[in-house]
Each structure stands twice: as C-alpha cells, then as structure tokens.
Amino acid sequence: MTSGTAPHSHGERLLDISGVELCVETFGDPADPAIVLVAGACASMLWWDAELCERIAAGGRFVVRYDHRDTGRSTCCPPGRPTYTYGDLAQDVTGILDALGVGRAHLVCQSMFGGIGLLLGVDRPDRVASLTFVSTSTGAADLPPPAADLAMPAAPDASDPAAVVAYVVAGARACAGGSPYFDEAAIRALAERDVARARNYASTLVNHYAIGFDAPSRGGFGDITAPTLVVHGDRDPLLPPAHGEALRDAVPGADLLVLEGAGHDVPRAVWDAFVPALVRHTAGHGSQLQ
C-alpha cells in the first residue's frame, strides 16, 4: 500500500448517480490505483467476495465493488420492465468513478457484463487504465455452445426465498462445471445473504436479460487499446475455454490466464493465481485521481 492504509472495507454507501441510487463499497487506500470489479448479470457486489477484495487491496490497489441496478441495494425496476439500457449500465461505472474522484480505473468485468468493458474500452478509453475480462466471450457465432450436460435449474417462485436460494445454488453448481473447488455451503450462505439484502430479487432474476446489448459507437474488441488480460476457467461449461482464447486473440496484445480447475467463476482455490496476475496486470498503467 502506498500510505499504509489497511486493505479493509470502508463500508457500503448509496451514491446518487444521475438520479440513480447505486450501492458502492471500497477497500484500501484511495490514493492507490483504482480497480472496479464489475459483476456478471444478475449478480450483486457480493459475488466479488469481500476477502478477495481485501487481498487485491493488499497488493496496493483501491478496490471498488458495487451493486448493478436491479441487484442488492441499488435502484430497482419492476420485474421484466427495466427502464435502462446496457449502455446505461456502462455509464454507471463512469458515474461511480466521478463520484469517487477517480479519473481512470482498471476494470475487471465478468461474464455477460464483459460487454461493459468493451463499451468503455472502445468509447471511453480516457477512463480505462486496463481491462480484465473474466469468464466472458466475443460472442462470435462459431464458438462452441454450452456443454451438453449443463443442466440449469428451472426458474423459481420469486416470492419464496428458500426456493430462490435453492435456485441460485443449483445454478452456481451447474456453472462450476464439476469443479472440485465448488463450495456449496459457502455459496448457499452467499445466496441467502444476497436474497435477503436485495430490494426485489424477482427483478434481479430477470431484468438484466430483458435489456438489449448496445454496441460500441466505433468498433469492437479489435479497437480496444487498453492493456487487456483475459481470465477463463478451464472447466467453464457455459462459455467453454475456446471463448477465452477467442477473446485473447480478438484484443490486440491481450494475455490469457487459464484458471485450472475453475468453471464459470473465480473460486477461492484459484485466488493465489488470480490475485497476483491481476496486481501485475494493473501495475504501471495510470489510474490517478482527478
């Protein structure tokens, strides 16, 4: 750390970002380079584990995690009726940076919301110090489909918290791809906290899938200029490893970190590989306060 500040949480707070309430939590020293952790679809900030955030912060980074709209404590729309676009979710990131006084940040974007990294990397390179794509894809039509044995659970009764928790656990188990690192007890505890904390988990379950994808205004993955790291589990059943390889090949100069034994997630057992790689990747690229 640059100033000896402990890498612990500064607590959650609600920020007003252009009339939208977003719940944000930071870790570490604000004078250190900022890393914003962007969770995947339907995922609140809790899916970036607090201990993982602390470990990254201990490497000399100011870590930011937040609840997307329709997750956690952030602004919530009625189920099936989101009033925002994919592009609005990308603008939420720059709004958070503005509120925190951060000029440029390192973005770590997971799964479906790798697209947020694409939008900002191409359209707002002035705000992006580096990009890390975790368990995501270029979306090319010739890439392999999900594993044939991927069995996602049926949608639950959203009014039954126990059924929702069971659904989330089953989905996480399926997306782990048979990983020996899947910790069902830990995932269940996380799901219970996530469901209890949300403004309306019925909206969490569906609203991100009800918005269309906004393409960058002037290009695609090949137009990203920020240093880029692609991280992909070798057991990912939802987006098989070829998706990560294709993304590495699509972004000029990108590197690929394969998480051995991981599925469509970043389980605790691979943090010893993931955290040092992320700290190295985010070294030497400007991420200064405004």
Protein backbone atom coordinates (compact mmCIF):
# COMPACT_ATOMS: atom_id res chain seq x y z
CA MET A 1 0.00 0.00 0.00
CA THR A 2 1.27 3.45 -0.78
CA SER A 3 0.27 5.01 2.53
CA GLY A 4 -0.04 2.08 4.93
CA THR A 5 -3.85 2.12 4.94
CA ALA A 6 -5.34 -1.28 5.85
CA PRO A 7 -7.00 -3.07 2.92
CA HIS A 8 -10.34 -3.36 4.69
CA SER A 9 -13.77 -2.15 3.66
CA HIS A 10 -14.77 1.48 4.11
CA GLY A 11 -18.39 0.31 4.33
CA GLU A 12 -21.27 0.38 1.89
CA ARG A 13 -22.78 3.67 0.78
CA LEU A 14 -25.52 4.72 -1.58
CA LEU A 15 -24.40 7.14 -4.28
CA ASP A 16 -26.76 9.26 -6.36
CA ILE A 17 -25.52 8.81 -9.94
CA SER A 18 -27.61 10.98 -12.25
CA GLY A 19 -30.75 10.22 -10.27
CA VAL A 20 -29.98 6.51 -9.87
CA GLU A 21 -29.06 5.05 -6.46
CA LEU A 22 -26.07 2.72 -6.65
CA CYS A 23 -24.65 0.90 -3.65
CA VAL A 24 -20.85 1.03 -3.63
CA GLU A 25 -18.21 -0.40 -1.31
CA THR A 26 -14.49 0.39 -1.41
CA PHE A 27 -11.42 -1.29 0.04
CA GLY A 28 -7.92 0.01 0.65
CA ASP A 29 -6.22 3.33 0.06
CA PRO A 30 -7.96 5.80 -2.28
CA ALA A 31 -4.52 7.06 -3.30
CA ASP A 32 -3.70 3.69 -4.85
CA PRO A 33 -4.62 2.74 -8.45
CA ALA A 34 -8.33 2.01 -8.64
CA ILE A 35 -9.78 -1.35 -9.70
CA VAL A 36 -13.52 -1.55 -10.35
CA LEU A 37 -14.99 -5.05 -10.10
CA VAL A 38 -17.98 -5.41 -12.44
CA ALA A 39 -20.07 -8.47 -11.59
CA GLY A 40 -21.91 -10.55 -14.17
CA ALA A 41 -25.62 -10.48 -15.00
CA CYS A 42 -27.99 -10.86 -12.04
CA ALA A 43 -25.04 -10.63 -9.64
CA SER A 44 -24.70 -8.09 -6.86
CA MET A 45 -21.36 -6.92 -5.48
CA LEU A 46 -21.41 -9.84 -3.01
CA TRP A 47 -20.30 -12.19 -5.77
CA TRP A 48 -16.93 -10.44 -5.62
CA ASP A 49 -16.06 -11.84 -2.19
CA ALA A 50 -15.03 -9.25 0.41
CA GLU A 51 -11.95 -11.27 1.31
CA LEU A 52 -10.93 -11.34 -2.35
CA CYS A 53 -11.36 -7.55 -2.47
CA GLU A 54 -9.15 -7.24 0.62
CA ARG A 55 -6.46 -9.42 -0.93
CA ILE A 56 -6.41 -7.30 -4.09
CA ALA A 57 -6.32 -4.12 -1.99
CA ALA A 58 -3.40 -5.53 -0.02
CA GLY A 59 -1.49 -5.59 -3.31
CA GLY A 60 -1.66 -1.79 -3.43
CA ARG A 61 -4.96 -1.24 -5.18
CA PHE A 62 -8.05 0.79 -4.31
CA VAL A 63 -10.82 -1.74 -4.93
CA VAL A 64 -14.38 -0.76 -5.80
CA ARG A 65 -17.29 -3.16 -5.94
CA TYR A 66 -20.90 -2.15 -6.48
CA ASP A 67 -24.44 -3.39 -6.96
CA HIS A 68 -25.70 -3.14 -10.53
CA ARG A 69 -29.17 -1.71 -10.95
CA ASP A 70 -31.70 -4.40 -10.00
CA THR A 71 -29.27 -6.12 -7.67
CA GLY A 72 -28.54 -5.69 -3.98
CA ARG A 73 -29.31 -2.27 -2.54
CA SER A 74 -29.19 -0.34 -5.82
CA THR A 75 -32.13 1.14 -7.75
CA CYS A 76 -34.71 -1.48 -8.68
CA CYS A 77 -37.21 -1.62 -11.55
CA PRO A 78 -40.33 -3.81 -11.68
CA PRO A 79 -39.63 -7.42 -12.75
CA GLY A 80 -39.42 -7.68 -16.53
CA ARG A 81 -39.61 -3.91 -17.01
CA PRO A 82 -36.12 -2.40 -16.74
CA THR A 83 -36.07 1.28 -17.67
CA TYR A 84 -32.38 1.33 -18.62
CA THR A 85 -30.13 0.07 -21.39
CA TYR A 86 -26.87 -1.82 -21.46
CA GLY A 87 -25.19 1.48 -22.23
CA ASP A 88 -26.70 2.99 -19.08
CA LEU A 89 -25.05 0.25 -17.03
CA ALA A 90 -21.71 1.17 -18.60
CA GLN A 91 -22.31 4.83 -17.77
CA ASP A 92 -22.99 3.80 -14.17
CA VAL A 93 -19.32 2.81 -13.95
CA THR A 94 -18.05 6.20 -15.09
CA GLY A 95 -20.58 7.84 -12.79
CA ILE A 96 -19.16 5.91 -9.85
CA LEU A 97 -15.65 6.95 -10.85
CA ASP A 98 -16.76 10.58 -10.97
CA ALA A 99 -18.36 10.30 -7.53
CA LEU A 100 -15.19 8.78 -6.08
CA GLY A 101 -12.92 11.31 -7.77
CA VAL A 102 -11.17 8.69 -9.90
CA GLY A 103 -10.04 9.76 -13.36
CA ARG A 104 -9.07 6.39 -14.82
CA ALA A 105 -9.57 2.92 -13.42
CA HIS A 106 -8.68 -0.68 -14.12
CA LEU A 107 -11.90 -2.52 -14.98
CA VAL A 108 -12.46 -6.19 -14.19
CA CYS A 109 -15.63 -7.33 -15.98
CA GLN A 110 -17.24 -10.73 -15.59
CA SER A 111 -19.38 -12.93 -17.84
CA MET A 112 -22.22 -11.13 -19.68
CA PHE A 113 -21.01 -7.78 -18.43
CA GLY A 114 -17.70 -8.17 -20.18
CA GLY A 115 -19.68 -6.05 -22.62
CA ILE A 116 -19.40 -3.13 -20.20
CA GLY A 117 -15.64 -3.39 -20.52
CA LEU A 118 -15.97 -3.47 -24.31
CA LEU A 119 -18.20 -0.38 -24.40
CA LEU A 120 -15.98 1.64 -22.10
CA GLY A 121 -12.73 0.34 -23.56
CA VAL A 122 -13.72 1.45 -27.06
CA ASP A 123 -15.86 4.53 -26.39
CA ARG A 124 -14.25 5.87 -23.20
CA PRO A 125 -10.56 4.91 -23.33
CA ASP A 126 -9.78 8.06 -21.32
CA ARG A 127 -11.42 6.41 -18.28
CA VAL A 128 -9.94 2.91 -18.70
CA ALA A 129 -6.40 2.22 -17.47
CA SER A 130 -6.62 -1.50 -18.24
CA LEU A 131 -9.20 -4.21 -18.84
CA THR A 132 -9.59 -7.68 -17.40
CA PHE A 133 -12.29 -9.94 -18.85
CA VAL A 134 -13.31 -12.84 -16.60
CA SER A 135 -15.34 -15.79 -17.91
CA THR A 136 -16.57 -13.90 -20.94
CA SER A 137 -16.61 -14.10 -24.73
CA THR A 138 -16.55 -12.25 -28.02
CA GLY A 139 -19.97 -13.73 -28.75
CA ALA A 140 -18.84 -14.97 -32.16
CA ALA A 141 -21.34 -17.37 -33.75
CA ASP A 142 -18.71 -20.02 -34.49
CA LEU A 143 -17.68 -20.52 -30.86
CA PRO A 144 -18.78 -23.71 -29.07
CA PRO A 145 -22.14 -23.74 -27.28
CA PRO A 146 -22.52 -24.51 -23.58
CA ALA A 147 -21.58 -28.03 -22.52
CA ALA A 148 -24.17 -30.62 -23.48
CA ASP A 149 -24.51 -31.74 -19.85
CA LEU A 150 -25.03 -28.22 -18.48
CA ALA A 151 -28.31 -28.53 -16.58
CA MET A 152 -29.55 -25.14 -15.44
CA PRO A 153 -32.41 -25.18 -12.92
CA ALA A 154 -35.95 -24.10 -13.70
CA ALA A 155 -36.95 -20.60 -12.64
CA PRO A 156 -38.16 -20.47 -9.03
CA ASP A 157 -41.20 -18.92 -7.41
CA ALA A 158 -39.68 -15.49 -6.74
CA SER A 159 -41.99 -14.99 -3.73
CA ASP A 160 -40.43 -17.99 -1.93
CA PRO A 161 -36.98 -17.00 -0.57
CA ALA A 162 -35.99 -20.61 0.14
CA ALA A 163 -36.84 -21.62 -3.43
CA VAL A 164 -34.85 -18.68 -4.79
CA VAL A 165 -31.82 -19.60 -2.69
CA ALA A 166 -32.04 -23.21 -3.88
CA TYR A 167 -32.24 -21.96 -7.48
CA VAL A 168 -29.17 -19.74 -7.10
CA VAL A 169 -27.17 -22.56 -5.51
CA ALA A 170 -28.18 -25.01 -8.24
CA GLY A 171 -27.25 -22.51 -10.96
CA ALA A 172 -23.87 -21.86 -9.37
CA ARG A 173 -23.27 -25.61 -9.07
CA ALA A 174 -24.06 -26.12 -12.75
CA CYS A 175 -21.83 -23.23 -13.83
CA ALA A 176 -18.95 -24.59 -11.76
CA GLY A 177 -18.67 -27.36 -14.33
CA GLY A 178 -17.84 -30.12 -11.88
CA SER A 179 -15.00 -28.11 -10.35
CA PRO A 180 -13.51 -29.68 -7.23
CA TYR A 181 -13.44 -26.14 -5.83
CA PHE A 182 -17.20 -25.69 -5.71
CA ASP A 183 -18.12 -24.95 -2.08
CA GLU A 184 -21.86 -25.48 -1.72
CA ALA A 185 -22.05 -24.32 1.89
CA ALA A 186 -20.30 -21.06 1.09
CA ILE A 187 -22.46 -20.46 -1.99
CA ARG A 188 -25.63 -21.15 -0.01
CA ALA A 189 -24.60 -18.65 2.68
CA LEU A 190 -23.84 -16.10 -0.04
CA ALA A 191 -27.15 -16.70 -1.79
CA GLU A 192 -29.09 -16.35 1.47
CA ARG A 193 -27.40 -13.04 2.18
CA ASP A 194 -27.88 -11.87 -1.39
CA VAL A 195 -31.60 -12.67 -1.45
CA ALA A 196 -32.20 -11.07 1.95
CA ARG A 197 -30.28 -7.93 1.02
CA ALA A 198 -31.91 -7.27 -2.36
CA ARG A 199 -34.64 -4.67 -2.86
CA ASN A 200 -36.52 -7.10 -5.12
CA TYR A 201 -34.87 -10.37 -6.10
CA ALA A 202 -37.62 -11.06 -8.64
CA SER A 203 -36.15 -8.15 -10.62
CA THR A 204 -32.61 -9.45 -10.06
CA LEU A 205 -33.55 -12.75 -11.68
CA VAL A 206 -34.86 -11.35 -14.95
CA ASN A 207 -34.18 -7.71 -15.67
CA HIS A 208 -30.62 -7.89 -16.98
CA TYR A 209 -31.76 -10.41 -19.58
CA ALA A 210 -34.52 -8.05 -20.70
CA ILE A 211 -32.17 -5.32 -21.95
CA GLY A 212 -30.57 -5.22 -25.37
CA PHE A 213 -26.84 -5.01 -25.97
CA ASP A 214 -25.52 -1.61 -27.03
CA ALA A 215 -22.55 -1.98 -29.37
CA PRO A 216 -19.67 0.47 -29.15
CA SER A 217 -20.11 3.52 -31.33
CA ARG A 218 -16.97 2.98 -33.34
CA GLY A 219 -15.74 -0.58 -33.39
CA GLY A 220 -15.31 -3.79 -31.41
CA PHE A 221 -12.81 -5.85 -29.46
CA GLY A 222 -10.09 -5.15 -32.04
CA ASP A 223 -10.36 -1.44 -31.26
CA ILE A 224 -9.52 -1.78 -27.57
CA THR A 225 -6.24 -0.03 -26.81
CA ALA A 226 -6.08 -0.58 -23.04
CA PRO A 227 -3.77 -3.36 -21.80
CA THR A 228 -6.01 -6.41 -21.55
CA LEU A 229 -5.96 -9.63 -19.54
CA VAL A 230 -8.41 -12.47 -20.26
CA VAL A 231 -9.15 -14.85 -17.38
CA HIS A 232 -11.00 -18.10 -18.03
CA GLY A 233 -11.62 -21.32 -16.14
CA ASP A 234 -10.59 -24.49 -17.93
CA ARG A 235 -13.85 -26.19 -16.79
CA ASP A 236 -16.23 -23.40 -17.79
CA PRO A 237 -19.35 -25.22 -19.08
CA LEU A 238 -21.31 -22.09 -20.01
CA LEU A 239 -18.59 -20.47 -22.12
CA PRO A 240 -16.09 -23.25 -22.87
CA PRO A 241 -12.39 -22.31 -22.89
CA ALA A 242 -12.41 -21.55 -26.62
CA HIS A 243 -14.36 -18.40 -25.78
CA GLY A 244 -11.50 -17.09 -23.66
CA GLU A 245 -8.97 -17.99 -26.34
CA ALA A 246 -11.03 -16.18 -28.98
CA LEU A 247 -11.24 -13.09 -26.78
CA ARG A 248 -7.49 -13.09 -26.24
CA ASP A 249 -6.98 -13.30 -30.00
CA ALA A 250 -9.51 -10.54 -30.69
CA VAL A 251 -7.96 -7.87 -28.46
CA PRO A 252 -4.57 -6.61 -29.66
CA GLY A 253 -1.79 -7.68 -27.30
CA ALA A 254 -4.10 -9.40 -24.80
CA ASP A 255 -2.82 -12.08 -22.44
CA LEU A 256 -4.72 -15.15 -21.25
CA LEU A 257 -4.69 -16.57 -17.72
CA VAL A 258 -6.27 -20.03 -17.52
CA LEU A 259 -7.63 -20.86 -14.07
CA GLU A 260 -7.06 -24.59 -13.71
CA GLY A 261 -9.95 -26.43 -12.11
CA ALA A 262 -12.30 -23.43 -12.25
CA GLY A 263 -15.63 -23.20 -14.03
CA HIS A 264 -17.60 -20.04 -14.80
CA ASP A 265 -16.36 -18.33 -11.64
CA VAL A 266 -13.27 -17.41 -9.60
CA PRO A 267 -13.36 -19.79 -6.62
CA ARG A 268 -11.23 -19.22 -3.55
CA ALA A 269 -8.83 -22.02 -4.51
CA VAL A 270 -7.58 -20.08 -7.55
CA TRP A 271 -7.11 -16.71 -5.83
CA ASP A 272 -3.40 -17.43 -5.41
CA ALA A 273 -3.15 -17.41 -9.20
CA PHE A 274 -5.73 -14.72 -9.94
CA VAL A 275 -4.75 -12.00 -7.46
CA PRO A 276 -1.01 -11.78 -8.28
CA ALA A 277 -1.82 -11.84 -12.01
CA LEU A 278 -4.31 -9.00 -11.58
CA VAL A 279 -1.89 -6.95 -9.47
CA ARG A 280 0.85 -7.41 -12.08
CA HIS A 281 -1.51 -6.56 -14.91
CA THR A 282 -2.61 -3.34 -13.24
CA ALA A 283 0.90 -2.16 -12.43
CA GLY A 284 2.48 0.60 -14.47
CA HIS A 285 -0.73 1.85 -16.11
CA GLY A 286 -2.01 5.23 -14.94
CA SER A 287 -5.06 5.30 -12.66
CA GLN A 288 -4.96 8.64 -10.96
CA LEU A 289 -7.38 10.78 -9.03
CA GLN A 290 -8.99 13.65 -10.86
